[in-house]
Amino acid sequence: MNILNNFIQIKNEVLSLSNNTKIVVVTKTFDINTIKPIIDYGHKDFGENKVQEAKLKWSSLISKNLTINLHFIGKLQTNKVSDAVKLFSFIHSLSTEKLAKTCMEEESLIKKRIKYFIQINFSDSDHRNGIEPKNIKDFVKYCIHDLNLNIIGLMCIPPLNEVSDLFFSQLRKIANENNLFQLSMGMSNDYPAAIKNGSNYVRIGSKIFGDREIK
């Protein structure tokens, strides 16, 4: 599999749909040598879902290449926030008041501003990460006005076996109602639909690297 060719093909497809959508290349479980062709090509945005893995993999490289934007796209635990704030430029999964407050405290300690997406939970399950749509207005107010966090938009992962379009259009509507205009939505299986619904960041991994090994 030619990873760089896969990436270029997807990049051209994304550009044919929108000039306002960035690709977050999801690199979880893949080592730097595997990712390097895309870095050398000049791409800047990469996504990881585990803080410790990202720290081991990216810390040295980011210290030498300050133009790389690392995006945290997984469920963030409060005990990992200190390392996450140091390493990442974007966090796509802000989902609780406790997490938001911890992020604010860590930002203050190192004088760094992270760009945040609030994750919306469209599932009926309490086990899914994210804020329920009915609570988003109060949560946005808390994050922006009480904590002074740099909230730039909303993120969602549509429920499995559902039509993604419905949730993408709903996310855009919720964002507009809350004066948030950046959207993180769409993955390898549904990114064209996400882009057509206004996504600014699509998170693509397996379409570039192939399926991951199950560990």
N, C-alpha and C. Protein backbone atom coordinates (compact mmCIF):
# COMPACT_ATOMS: atom_id res chain seq x y z
N MET A 1 0.84 -1.20 0.00
CA MET A 1 0.00 0.00 0.00
C MET A 1 0.88 1.24 0.00
N ASN A 2 0.62 2.17 -0.92
CA ASN A 2 1.36 3.42 -0.96
C ASN A 2 0.59 4.47 -0.17
N ILE A 3 1.05 4.71 1.04
CA ILE A 3 0.34 5.60 1.95
C ILE A 3 0.28 7.03 1.42
N LEU A 4 1.39 7.51 0.86
CA LEU A 4 1.40 8.88 0.36
C LEU A 4 0.42 9.05 -0.80
N ASN A 5 0.38 8.09 -1.70
CA ASN A 5 -0.58 8.16 -2.81
C ASN A 5 -2.02 8.17 -2.30
N ASN A 6 -2.30 7.36 -1.29
CA ASN A 6 -3.63 7.36 -0.69
C ASN A 6 -3.99 8.74 -0.15
N PHE A 7 -3.03 9.32 0.57
CA PHE A 7 -3.27 10.64 1.15
C PHE A 7 -3.51 11.69 0.06
N ILE A 8 -2.68 11.69 -0.96
CA ILE A 8 -2.82 12.69 -2.03
C ILE A 8 -4.16 12.53 -2.74
N GLN A 9 -4.57 11.30 -2.97
CA GLN A 9 -5.86 11.06 -3.61
C GLN A 9 -7.01 11.62 -2.76
N ILE A 10 -6.96 11.38 -1.46
CA ILE A 10 -8.00 11.90 -0.58
C ILE A 10 -7.94 13.42 -0.50
N LYS A 11 -6.73 13.95 -0.44
CA LYS A 11 -6.59 15.41 -0.39
C LYS A 11 -7.23 16.05 -1.62
N ASN A 12 -6.99 15.49 -2.80
CA ASN A 12 -7.58 16.03 -4.02
C ASN A 12 -9.10 15.90 -4.01
N GLU A 13 -9.59 14.80 -3.47
CA GLU A 13 -11.04 14.62 -3.37
C GLU A 13 -11.65 15.66 -2.43
N VAL A 14 -10.99 15.87 -1.30
CA VAL A 14 -11.49 16.87 -0.34
C VAL A 14 -11.49 18.26 -0.97
N LEU A 15 -10.41 18.59 -1.68
CA LEU A 15 -10.33 19.91 -2.34
C LEU A 15 -11.41 20.08 -3.41
N SER A 16 -11.80 18.98 -4.05
CA SER A 16 -12.85 19.07 -5.06
C SER A 16 -14.22 19.35 -4.44
N LEU A 17 -14.34 19.05 -3.16
CA LEU A 17 -15.61 19.27 -2.46
C LEU A 17 -15.63 20.58 -1.69
N SER A 18 -14.46 21.02 -1.21
CA SER A 18 -14.42 22.23 -0.38
C SER A 18 -12.99 22.75 -0.27
N ASN A 19 -12.86 24.07 -0.25
CA ASN A 19 -11.57 24.70 0.01
C ASN A 19 -11.39 25.01 1.50
N ASN A 20 -12.41 24.71 2.28
CA ASN A 20 -12.40 25.11 3.69
C ASN A 20 -12.31 23.92 4.64
N THR A 21 -11.93 22.77 4.13
CA THR A 21 -11.87 21.57 4.95
C THR A 21 -10.43 21.07 5.05
N LYS A 22 -9.98 20.85 6.28
CA LYS A 22 -8.65 20.30 6.52
C LYS A 22 -8.75 18.83 6.87
N ILE A 23 -7.74 18.08 6.48
CA ILE A 23 -7.66 16.67 6.82
C ILE A 23 -6.81 16.51 8.08
N VAL A 24 -7.39 15.90 9.09
CA VAL A 24 -6.60 15.46 10.24
C VAL A 24 -6.25 13.99 9.98
N VAL A 25 -4.98 13.74 9.71
CA VAL A 25 -4.53 12.38 9.43
C VAL A 25 -4.42 11.64 10.76
N VAL A 26 -5.26 10.63 10.93
CA VAL A 26 -5.33 9.92 12.21
C VAL A 26 -4.24 8.84 12.23
N THR A 27 -3.28 9.03 13.11
CA THR A 27 -2.06 8.23 13.10
C THR A 27 -1.95 7.28 14.28
N LYS A 28 -3.01 7.11 15.04
CA LYS A 28 -2.97 6.22 16.21
C LYS A 28 -2.55 4.81 15.78
N THR A 29 -1.68 4.23 16.55
CA THR A 29 -1.08 2.88 16.41
C THR A 29 0.01 2.81 15.34
N PHE A 30 0.20 3.84 14.53
CA PHE A 30 1.24 3.80 13.50
C PHE A 30 2.46 4.58 13.97
N ASP A 31 3.66 4.06 13.65
CA ASP A 31 4.88 4.72 14.11
C ASP A 31 5.28 5.85 13.17
N ILE A 32 6.24 6.64 13.63
CA ILE A 32 6.65 7.82 12.87
C ILE A 32 7.21 7.45 11.51
N ASN A 33 7.92 6.34 11.39
CA ASN A 33 8.46 5.94 10.09
C ASN A 33 7.35 5.69 9.07
N THR A 34 6.23 5.17 9.55
CA THR A 34 5.09 4.95 8.66
C THR A 34 4.44 6.27 8.25
N ILE A 35 4.40 7.22 9.17
CA ILE A 35 3.75 8.51 8.94
C ILE A 35 4.65 9.46 8.15
N LYS A 36 5.96 9.24 8.22
CA LYS A 36 6.95 10.20 7.71
C LYS A 36 6.71 10.67 6.27
N PRO A 37 6.30 9.81 5.33
CA PRO A 37 6.08 10.32 3.97
C PRO A 37 5.06 11.46 3.90
N ILE A 38 4.04 11.40 4.76
CA ILE A 38 3.03 12.47 4.76
C ILE A 38 3.58 13.72 5.42
N ILE A 39 4.40 13.55 6.46
CA ILE A 39 5.05 14.70 7.09
C ILE A 39 5.99 15.38 6.09
N ASP A 40 6.79 14.57 5.41
CA ASP A 40 7.75 15.12 4.43
C ASP A 40 7.04 15.79 3.26
N TYR A 41 5.85 15.34 2.94
CA TYR A 41 5.06 15.96 1.87
C TYR A 41 4.63 17.37 2.25
N GLY A 42 4.61 17.64 3.56
CA GLY A 42 4.28 18.98 4.03
C GLY A 42 2.96 19.10 4.77
N HIS A 43 2.32 17.97 5.02
CA HIS A 43 1.05 18.03 5.76
C HIS A 43 1.31 18.38 7.22
N LYS A 44 0.37 19.12 7.83
CA LYS A 44 0.62 19.67 9.17
C LYS A 44 -0.30 19.12 10.26
N ASP A 45 -1.43 18.53 9.92
CA ASP A 45 -2.44 18.19 10.92
C ASP A 45 -2.56 16.68 11.11
N PHE A 46 -2.28 16.22 12.34
CA PHE A 46 -2.29 14.79 12.66
C PHE A 46 -3.08 14.56 13.95
N GLY A 47 -3.76 13.41 14.02
CA GLY A 47 -4.63 13.13 15.15
C GLY A 47 -4.23 11.87 15.91
N GLU A 48 -4.32 11.95 17.22
CA GLU A 48 -4.06 10.82 18.10
C GLU A 48 -5.17 10.72 19.14
N ASN A 49 -5.40 9.51 19.65
CA ASN A 49 -6.46 9.34 20.64
C ASN A 49 -5.99 8.86 22.00
N LYS A 50 -4.67 8.70 22.15
CA LYS A 50 -4.11 8.31 23.44
C LYS A 50 -2.92 9.23 23.75
N VAL A 51 -2.98 9.86 24.92
CA VAL A 51 -1.97 10.86 25.27
C VAL A 51 -0.59 10.23 25.39
N GLN A 52 -0.48 9.11 26.07
CA GLN A 52 0.83 8.51 26.30
C GLN A 52 1.49 8.08 24.99
N GLU A 53 0.71 7.45 24.11
CA GLU A 53 1.25 7.06 22.81
C GLU A 53 1.72 8.27 22.03
N ALA A 54 0.90 9.32 22.03
CA ALA A 54 1.26 10.53 21.30
C ALA A 54 2.52 11.19 21.87
N LYS A 55 2.63 11.17 23.18
CA LYS A 55 3.80 11.78 23.83
C LYS A 55 5.08 11.07 23.41
N LEU A 56 5.06 9.75 23.43
CA LEU A 56 6.24 8.98 23.04
C LEU A 56 6.57 9.15 21.56
N LYS A 57 5.54 9.26 20.76
CA LYS A 57 5.72 9.28 19.31
C LYS A 57 6.09 10.66 18.76
N TRP A 58 5.47 11.71 19.30
CA TRP A 58 5.53 13.02 18.67
C TRP A 58 6.38 14.07 19.38
N SER A 59 6.67 13.90 20.66
CA SER A 59 7.31 14.98 21.43
C SER A 59 8.59 15.50 20.78
N SER A 60 9.47 14.59 20.42
CA SER A 60 10.74 14.99 19.83
C SER A 60 10.54 15.68 18.49
N LEU A 61 9.67 15.13 17.67
CA LEU A 61 9.45 15.69 16.33
C LEU A 61 8.83 17.08 16.40
N ILE A 62 7.87 17.26 17.29
CA ILE A 62 7.21 18.56 17.40
C ILE A 62 8.17 19.63 17.90
N SER A 63 9.10 19.24 18.76
CA SER A 63 10.08 20.21 19.26
C SER A 63 10.98 20.73 18.14
N LYS A 64 11.09 19.95 17.06
CA LYS A 64 11.92 20.36 15.92
C LYS A 64 11.09 20.95 14.78
N ASN A 65 9.82 20.62 14.75
CA ASN A 65 8.94 21.08 13.67
C ASN A 65 7.71 21.73 14.29
N LEU A 66 7.82 23.02 14.56
CA LEU A 66 6.78 23.74 15.30
C LEU A 66 5.54 24.01 14.46
N THR A 67 5.59 23.69 13.17
CA THR A 67 4.43 23.94 12.32
C THR A 67 3.41 22.80 12.37
N ILE A 68 3.77 21.66 12.95
CA ILE A 68 2.85 20.54 13.05
C ILE A 68 1.77 20.84 14.10
N ASN A 69 0.52 20.59 13.73
CA ASN A 69 -0.60 20.71 14.66
C ASN A 69 -1.05 19.31 15.05
N LEU A 70 -0.94 19.00 16.33
CA LEU A 70 -1.39 17.70 16.80
C LEU A 70 -2.78 17.85 17.42
N HIS A 71 -3.69 16.98 16.98
CA HIS A 71 -5.09 17.04 17.40
C HIS A 71 -5.39 15.84 18.30
N PHE A 72 -5.95 16.10 19.48
CA PHE A 72 -6.40 15.00 20.32
C PHE A 72 -7.85 14.70 19.98
N ILE A 73 -8.13 13.44 19.60
CA ILE A 73 -9.45 13.10 19.09
C ILE A 73 -10.14 12.00 19.90
N GLY A 74 -9.53 11.56 20.99
CA GLY A 74 -10.11 10.50 21.80
C GLY A 74 -10.78 11.03 23.05
N LYS A 75 -11.16 10.12 23.92
CA LYS A 75 -11.74 10.50 25.21
C LYS A 75 -10.60 10.88 26.14
N LEU A 76 -10.62 12.12 26.61
CA LEU A 76 -9.52 12.64 27.43
C LEU A 76 -9.85 12.48 28.91
N GLN A 77 -8.96 11.81 29.62
CA GLN A 77 -9.10 11.65 31.07
C GLN A 77 -8.44 12.83 31.77
N THR A 78 -9.01 13.25 32.89
CA THR A 78 -8.49 14.44 33.56
C THR A 78 -7.05 14.25 34.03
N ASN A 79 -6.66 13.03 34.36
CA ASN A 79 -5.29 12.81 34.82
C ASN A 79 -4.27 12.84 33.68
N LYS A 80 -4.75 12.97 32.44
CA LYS A 80 -3.86 13.07 31.28
C LYS A 80 -3.83 14.49 30.71
N VAL A 81 -4.59 15.40 31.33
CA VAL A 81 -4.74 16.74 30.76
C VAL A 81 -3.42 17.50 30.75
N SER A 82 -2.62 17.38 31.79
CA SER A 82 -1.36 18.11 31.86
C SER A 82 -0.48 17.82 30.65
N ASP A 83 -0.30 16.55 30.34
CA ASP A 83 0.51 16.18 29.17
C ASP A 83 -0.19 16.58 27.87
N ALA A 84 -1.51 16.45 27.83
CA ALA A 84 -2.24 16.77 26.61
C ALA A 84 -2.12 18.25 26.26
N VAL A 85 -2.25 19.11 27.25
CA VAL A 85 -2.17 20.55 26.99
C VAL A 85 -0.77 20.95 26.51
N LYS A 86 0.24 20.29 27.03
CA LYS A 86 1.61 20.59 26.59
C LYS A 86 1.83 20.17 25.13
N LEU A 87 1.22 19.05 24.74
CA LEU A 87 1.55 18.42 23.46
C LEU A 87 0.65 18.85 22.31
N PHE A 88 -0.64 18.97 22.57
CA PHE A 88 -1.62 19.15 21.50
C PHE A 88 -1.94 20.62 21.24
N SER A 89 -2.29 20.91 19.99
CA SER A 89 -2.77 22.24 19.61
C SER A 89 -4.28 22.31 19.62
N PHE A 90 -4.93 21.18 19.35
CA PHE A 90 -6.39 21.08 19.30
C PHE A 90 -6.84 19.92 20.18
N ILE A 91 -7.95 20.10 20.88
CA ILE A 91 -8.63 19.01 21.56
C ILE A 91 -10.05 18.96 21.03
N HIS A 92 -10.42 17.82 20.43
CA HIS A 92 -11.71 17.71 19.74
C HIS A 92 -12.80 17.10 20.62
N SER A 93 -12.52 16.82 21.88
CA SER A 93 -13.43 15.99 22.67
C SER A 93 -13.70 16.55 24.06
N LEU A 94 -13.86 17.86 24.16
CA LEU A 94 -14.22 18.45 25.43
C LEU A 94 -15.66 18.03 25.76
N SER A 95 -15.87 17.46 26.96
CA SER A 95 -17.16 16.79 27.17
C SER A 95 -17.73 16.88 28.57
N THR A 96 -16.99 17.43 29.54
CA THR A 96 -17.53 17.57 30.89
C THR A 96 -17.01 18.86 31.52
N GLU A 97 -17.75 19.36 32.53
CA GLU A 97 -17.30 20.57 33.22
C GLU A 97 -15.98 20.32 33.95
N LYS A 98 -15.85 19.14 34.54
CA LYS A 98 -14.61 18.82 35.25
C LYS A 98 -13.41 18.83 34.30
N LEU A 99 -13.58 18.25 33.12
CA LEU A 99 -12.51 18.24 32.13
C LEU A 99 -12.18 19.65 31.67
N ALA A 100 -13.21 20.44 31.41
CA ALA A 100 -13.00 21.81 30.96
C ALA A 100 -12.24 22.63 32.00
N LYS A 101 -12.62 22.49 33.26
CA LYS A 101 -11.94 23.23 34.33
C LYS A 101 -10.48 22.80 34.47
N THR A 102 -10.24 21.51 34.35
CA THR A 102 -8.86 21.01 34.44
C THR A 102 -8.02 21.54 33.28
N CYS A 103 -8.59 21.57 32.09
CA CYS A 103 -7.88 22.12 30.93
C CYS A 103 -7.54 23.59 31.15
N MET A 104 -8.48 24.35 31.69
CA MET A 104 -8.23 25.76 31.98
C MET A 104 -7.07 25.93 32.95
N GLU A 105 -7.06 25.11 33.99
CA GLU A 105 -6.01 25.21 35.00
C GLU A 105 -4.64 24.88 34.42
N GLU A 106 -4.58 23.86 33.58
CA GLU A 106 -3.30 23.48 32.97
C GLU A 106 -2.83 24.52 31.96
N GLU A 107 -3.76 25.08 31.20
CA GLU A 107 -3.41 26.16 30.28
C GLU A 107 -2.77 27.33 31.05
N SER A 108 -3.38 27.68 32.18
CA SER A 108 -2.88 28.82 32.96
C SER A 108 -1.47 28.58 33.46
N LEU A 109 -1.18 27.33 33.81
CA LEU A 109 0.14 27.00 34.35
C LEU A 109 1.24 27.20 33.33
N ILE A 110 0.97 26.86 32.07
CA ILE A 110 2.04 26.93 31.06
C ILE A 110 1.82 28.05 30.04
N LYS A 111 0.78 28.86 30.28
CA LYS A 111 0.51 30.02 29.41
C LYS A 111 0.35 29.60 27.94
N LYS A 112 -0.52 28.63 27.74
CA LYS A 112 -0.78 28.14 26.39
C LYS A 112 -2.28 28.13 26.13
N ARG A 113 -2.68 28.46 24.89
CA ARG A 113 -4.09 28.45 24.52
C ARG A 113 -4.35 27.31 23.53
N ILE A 114 -5.21 26.39 23.92
CA ILE A 114 -5.62 25.28 23.07
C ILE A 114 -6.89 25.67 22.32
N LYS A 115 -7.06 25.12 21.13
CA LYS A 115 -8.32 25.27 20.41
C LYS A 115 -9.18 24.04 20.69
N TYR A 116 -10.42 24.28 21.14
CA TYR A 116 -11.28 23.19 21.58
C TYR A 116 -12.51 23.03 20.70
N PHE A 117 -12.87 21.76 20.47
CA PHE A 117 -14.18 21.40 19.98
C PHE A 117 -14.93 20.73 21.13
N ILE A 118 -16.18 21.08 21.31
CA ILE A 118 -17.04 20.38 22.26
C ILE A 118 -17.66 19.20 21.55
N GLN A 119 -17.54 18.02 22.15
CA GLN A 119 -18.12 16.84 21.55
C GLN A 119 -19.59 16.70 21.92
N ILE A 120 -20.42 16.51 20.91
CA ILE A 120 -21.85 16.32 21.11
C ILE A 120 -22.17 14.82 21.07
N ASN A 121 -22.97 14.38 22.01
CA ASN A 121 -23.40 12.98 22.08
C ASN A 121 -24.81 12.86 21.50
N PHE A 122 -24.92 12.29 20.31
CA PHE A 122 -26.21 12.08 19.68
C PHE A 122 -26.80 10.70 19.99
N SER A 123 -26.09 9.92 20.80
CA SER A 123 -26.55 8.58 21.13
C SER A 123 -27.41 8.62 22.39
N ASP A 124 -28.29 7.66 22.52
CA ASP A 124 -29.10 7.54 23.74
C ASP A 124 -28.31 6.91 24.88
N SER A 125 -27.15 6.39 24.58
CA SER A 125 -26.36 5.68 25.58
C SER A 125 -25.55 6.63 26.44
N ASP A 126 -25.56 6.40 27.75
CA ASP A 126 -24.75 7.20 28.66
C ASP A 126 -23.27 6.86 28.53
N HIS A 127 -22.97 5.75 27.84
CA HIS A 127 -21.57 5.32 27.72
C HIS A 127 -20.84 6.06 26.61
N ARG A 128 -21.58 6.77 25.77
CA ARG A 128 -20.94 7.54 24.71
C ARG A 128 -20.45 8.88 25.25
N ASN A 129 -19.30 9.31 24.79
CA ASN A 129 -18.71 10.55 25.26
C ASN A 129 -19.43 11.75 24.64
N GLY A 130 -19.57 12.82 25.41
CA GLY A 130 -20.10 14.04 24.82
C GLY A 130 -21.23 14.68 25.61
N ILE A 131 -21.53 15.91 25.23
CA ILE A 131 -22.61 16.69 25.83
C ILE A 131 -23.90 16.43 25.06
N GLU A 132 -24.99 16.23 25.77
CA GLU A 132 -26.27 16.07 25.09
C GLU A 132 -26.69 17.40 24.47
N PRO A 133 -27.32 17.37 23.30
CA PRO A 133 -27.71 18.61 22.63
C PRO A 133 -28.50 19.58 23.51
N LYS A 134 -29.36 19.06 24.37
CA LYS A 134 -30.19 19.93 25.22
C LYS A 134 -29.36 20.71 26.24
N ASN A 135 -28.13 20.26 26.51
CA ASN A 135 -27.27 20.90 27.52
C ASN A 135 -26.17 21.76 26.91
N ILE A 136 -26.12 21.84 25.60
CA ILE A 136 -24.97 22.46 24.96
C ILE A 136 -24.89 23.96 25.23
N LYS A 137 -26.02 24.64 25.25
CA LYS A 137 -26.00 26.09 25.45
C LYS A 137 -25.34 26.46 26.78
N ASP A 138 -25.73 25.80 27.85
CA ASP A 138 -25.16 26.08 29.17
C ASP A 138 -23.68 25.70 29.22
N PHE A 139 -23.32 24.61 28.55
CA PHE A 139 -21.93 24.17 28.58
C PHE A 139 -21.03 25.14 27.81
N VAL A 140 -21.51 25.61 26.66
CA VAL A 140 -20.74 26.61 25.90
C VAL A 140 -20.53 27.86 26.73
N LYS A 141 -21.59 28.31 27.38
CA LYS A 141 -21.50 29.52 28.22
C LYS A 141 -20.48 29.31 29.34
N TYR A 142 -20.52 28.15 29.99
CA TYR A 142 -19.58 27.87 31.07
C TYR A 142 -18.14 27.89 30.57
N CYS A 143 -17.89 27.23 29.45
CA CYS A 143 -16.53 27.12 28.92
C CYS A 143 -15.97 28.48 28.48
N ILE A 144 -16.81 29.24 27.80
CA ILE A 144 -16.32 30.51 27.23
C ILE A 144 -16.31 31.63 28.27
N HIS A 145 -17.40 31.80 28.99
CA HIS A 145 -17.54 32.96 29.88
C HIS A 145 -16.94 32.71 31.26
N ASP A 146 -17.10 31.51 31.79
CA ASP A 146 -16.58 31.24 33.13
C ASP A 146 -15.11 30.82 33.11
N LEU A 147 -14.72 30.06 32.09
CA LEU A 147 -13.36 29.52 32.05
C LEU A 147 -12.45 30.22 31.04
N ASN A 148 -13.04 30.98 30.14
CA ASN A 148 -12.27 31.68 29.10
C ASN A 148 -11.50 30.70 28.20
N LEU A 149 -12.11 29.55 27.92
CA LEU A 149 -11.49 28.61 26.99
C LEU A 149 -11.77 29.04 25.56
N ASN A 150 -10.86 28.68 24.68
CA ASN A 150 -10.98 29.04 23.26
C ASN A 150 -11.79 27.96 22.54
N ILE A 151 -13.10 28.04 22.67
CA ILE A 151 -14.00 27.08 22.04
C ILE A 151 -14.23 27.51 20.60
N ILE A 152 -13.80 26.68 19.64
CA ILE A 152 -13.92 27.09 18.24
C ILE A 152 -15.06 26.38 17.51
N GLY A 153 -15.58 25.29 18.11
CA GLY A 153 -16.63 24.59 17.38
C GLY A 153 -17.10 23.33 18.06
N LEU A 154 -17.78 22.49 17.30
CA LEU A 154 -18.38 21.26 17.80
C LEU A 154 -17.86 20.05 17.03
N MET A 155 -17.87 18.91 17.71
CA MET A 155 -17.46 17.64 17.09
C MET A 155 -18.53 16.60 17.37
N CYS A 156 -18.70 15.65 16.45
CA CYS A 156 -19.57 14.51 16.72
C CYS A 156 -19.05 13.27 16.03
N ILE A 157 -19.45 12.13 16.57
CA ILE A 157 -19.28 10.82 15.95
C ILE A 157 -20.68 10.24 15.84
N PRO A 158 -21.25 10.14 14.64
CA PRO A 158 -22.62 9.62 14.51
C PRO A 158 -22.75 8.22 15.09
N PRO A 159 -23.92 7.89 15.64
CA PRO A 159 -24.14 6.53 16.14
C PRO A 159 -23.94 5.50 15.03
N LEU A 160 -23.47 4.32 15.43
CA LEU A 160 -23.26 3.25 14.46
C LEU A 160 -24.57 2.85 13.79
N ASN A 161 -24.46 2.49 12.52
CA ASN A 161 -25.59 1.99 11.74
C ASN A 161 -26.72 3.01 11.58
N GLU A 162 -26.36 4.28 11.67
CA GLU A 162 -27.30 5.36 11.41
C GLU A 162 -26.82 6.16 10.21
N VAL A 163 -27.72 6.94 9.61
CA VAL A 163 -27.36 7.77 8.46
C VAL A 163 -26.61 9.00 8.96
N SER A 164 -25.33 9.09 8.59
CA SER A 164 -24.48 10.16 9.12
C SER A 164 -24.99 11.55 8.76
N ASP A 165 -25.54 11.71 7.55
CA ASP A 165 -26.01 13.02 7.08
C ASP A 165 -26.91 13.70 8.10
N LEU A 166 -27.80 12.93 8.69
CA LEU A 166 -28.77 13.50 9.63
C LEU A 166 -28.08 14.15 10.82
N PHE A 167 -27.04 13.51 11.30
CA PHE A 167 -26.33 14.02 12.47
C PHE A 167 -25.39 15.17 12.10
N PHE A 168 -24.81 15.11 10.91
CA PHE A 168 -23.96 16.20 10.46
C PHE A 168 -24.76 17.50 10.29
N SER A 169 -25.93 17.40 9.70
CA SER A 169 -26.75 18.61 9.52
C SER A 169 -27.25 19.12 10.87
N GLN A 170 -27.53 18.20 11.79
CA GLN A 170 -27.97 18.61 13.12
C GLN A 170 -26.84 19.31 13.88
N LEU A 171 -25.62 18.80 13.73
CA LEU A 171 -24.47 19.42 14.40
C LEU A 171 -24.26 20.84 13.88
N ARG A 172 -24.36 21.01 12.57
CA ARG A 172 -24.20 22.35 11.99
C ARG A 172 -25.26 23.30 12.54
N LYS A 173 -26.49 22.84 12.68
CA LYS A 173 -27.57 23.66 13.21
C LYS A 173 -27.29 24.07 14.66
N ILE A 174 -26.86 23.12 15.47
CA ILE A 174 -26.55 23.42 16.87
C ILE A 174 -25.40 24.41 16.97
N ALA A 175 -24.39 24.22 16.13
CA ALA A 175 -23.25 25.14 16.13
C ALA A 175 -23.69 26.55 15.78
N ASN A 176 -24.49 26.70 14.75
CA ASN A 176 -24.96 28.03 14.35
C ASN A 176 -25.76 28.69 15.46
N GLU A 177 -26.59 27.91 16.14
CA GLU A 177 -27.42 28.45 17.22
C GLU A 177 -26.58 28.95 18.39
N ASN A 178 -25.36 28.43 18.51
CA ASN A 178 -24.48 28.83 19.60
C ASN A 178 -23.29 29.67 19.15
N ASN A 179 -23.39 30.22 17.94
CA ASN A 179 -22.34 31.09 17.39
C ASN A 179 -20.97 30.41 17.36
N LEU A 180 -20.99 29.13 17.01
CA LEU A 180 -19.76 28.36 16.81
C LEU A 180 -19.75 27.89 15.37
N PHE A 181 -18.67 28.17 14.66
CA PHE A 181 -18.72 27.98 13.21
C PHE A 181 -17.66 27.03 12.66
N GLN A 182 -16.98 26.31 13.55
CA GLN A 182 -16.05 25.28 13.10
C GLN A 182 -16.63 23.93 13.46
N LEU A 183 -16.55 22.98 12.52
CA LEU A 183 -17.12 21.66 12.73
C LEU A 183 -16.07 20.58 12.49
N SER A 184 -15.94 19.67 13.44
CA SER A 184 -15.07 18.50 13.30
C SER A 184 -15.98 17.29 13.16
N MET A 185 -16.15 16.82 11.94
CA MET A 185 -17.04 15.68 11.70
C MET A 185 -16.67 15.01 10.39
N GLY A 186 -16.83 13.71 10.39
CA GLY A 186 -16.49 12.92 9.21
C GLY A 186 -15.21 12.14 9.40
N MET A 187 -15.30 10.83 9.09
CA MET A 187 -14.14 9.95 9.18
C MET A 187 -14.02 9.19 7.86
N SER A 188 -13.21 8.15 7.85
CA SER A 188 -12.92 7.46 6.59
C SER A 188 -14.17 6.97 5.88
N ASN A 189 -15.18 6.60 6.63
CA ASN A 189 -16.37 6.00 6.02
C ASN A 189 -17.42 7.01 5.59
N ASP A 190 -17.30 8.27 6.02
CA ASP A 190 -18.38 9.21 5.72
C ASP A 190 -17.93 10.66 5.49
N TYR A 191 -16.63 10.86 5.24
CA TYR A 191 -16.15 12.24 5.14
C TYR A 191 -16.75 13.04 3.98
N PRO A 192 -17.09 12.44 2.80
CA PRO A 192 -17.72 13.27 1.76
C PRO A 192 -19.05 13.88 2.23
N ALA A 193 -19.85 13.10 2.95
CA ALA A 193 -21.12 13.63 3.48
C ALA A 193 -20.87 14.72 4.50
N ALA A 194 -19.84 14.55 5.32
CA ALA A 194 -19.51 15.57 6.32
C ALA A 194 -19.10 16.88 5.66
N ILE A 195 -18.29 16.78 4.62
CA ILE A 195 -17.83 17.99 3.92
C ILE A 195 -19.01 18.71 3.28
N LYS A 196 -19.92 17.96 2.69
CA LYS A 196 -21.10 18.58 2.07
C LYS A 196 -21.98 19.28 3.11
N ASN A 197 -21.85 18.87 4.37
CA ASN A 197 -22.59 19.52 5.45
C ASN A 197 -21.76 20.58 6.17
N GLY A 198 -20.61 20.94 5.61
CA GLY A 198 -19.84 22.06 6.14
C GLY A 198 -18.72 21.73 7.08
N SER A 199 -18.26 20.48 7.10
CA SER A 199 -17.17 20.13 8.02
C SER A 199 -15.89 20.89 7.70
N ASN A 200 -15.24 21.38 8.74
CA ASN A 200 -13.96 22.08 8.59
C ASN A 200 -12.77 21.16 8.83
N TYR A 201 -12.99 20.09 9.58
CA TYR A 201 -11.93 19.11 9.86
C TYR A 201 -12.52 17.71 9.72
N VAL A 202 -11.93 16.91 8.83
CA VAL A 202 -12.31 15.50 8.72
C VAL A 202 -11.16 14.66 9.25
N ARG A 203 -11.49 13.61 9.97
CA ARG A 203 -10.50 12.79 10.68
C ARG A 203 -10.36 11.46 9.95
N ILE A 204 -9.28 11.31 9.20
CA ILE A 204 -9.15 10.17 8.29
C ILE A 204 -7.90 9.36 8.62
N GLY A 205 -8.10 8.07 8.86
CA GLY A 205 -6.97 7.19 9.17
C GLY A 205 -6.93 5.97 8.29
N SER A 206 -7.90 5.08 8.43
CA SER A 206 -7.84 3.79 7.73
C SER A 206 -7.88 3.94 6.22
N LYS A 207 -8.49 4.98 5.72
CA LYS A 207 -8.53 5.20 4.27
C LYS A 207 -7.14 5.54 3.73
N ILE A 208 -6.28 5.99 4.61
CA ILE A 208 -4.90 6.32 4.23
C ILE A 208 -3.95 5.16 4.53
N PHE A 209 -4.04 4.63 5.76
CA PHE A 209 -3.06 3.64 6.22
C PHE A 209 -3.53 2.20 6.07
N GLY A 210 -4.82 2.00 5.82
CA GLY A 210 -5.36 0.66 5.85
C GLY A 210 -5.87 0.32 7.23
N ASP A 211 -6.45 -0.84 7.38
CA ASP A 211 -7.01 -1.25 8.68
C ASP A 211 -5.91 -1.45 9.70
N ARG A 212 -6.22 -1.07 10.92
CA ARG A 212 -5.26 -1.25 12.03
C ARG A 212 -5.34 -2.68 12.55
N GLU A 213 -4.21 -3.13 13.09
CA GLU A 213 -4.21 -4.42 13.75
C GLU A 213 -4.95 -4.32 15.06
N ILE A 214 -5.76 -5.30 15.36
CA ILE A 214 -6.48 -5.34 16.64
C ILE A 214 -5.54 -5.92 17.69
N LYS A 215 -5.34 -5.12 18.76
CA LYS A 215 -4.42 -5.56 19.82
C LYS A 215 -5.19 -5.91 21.08
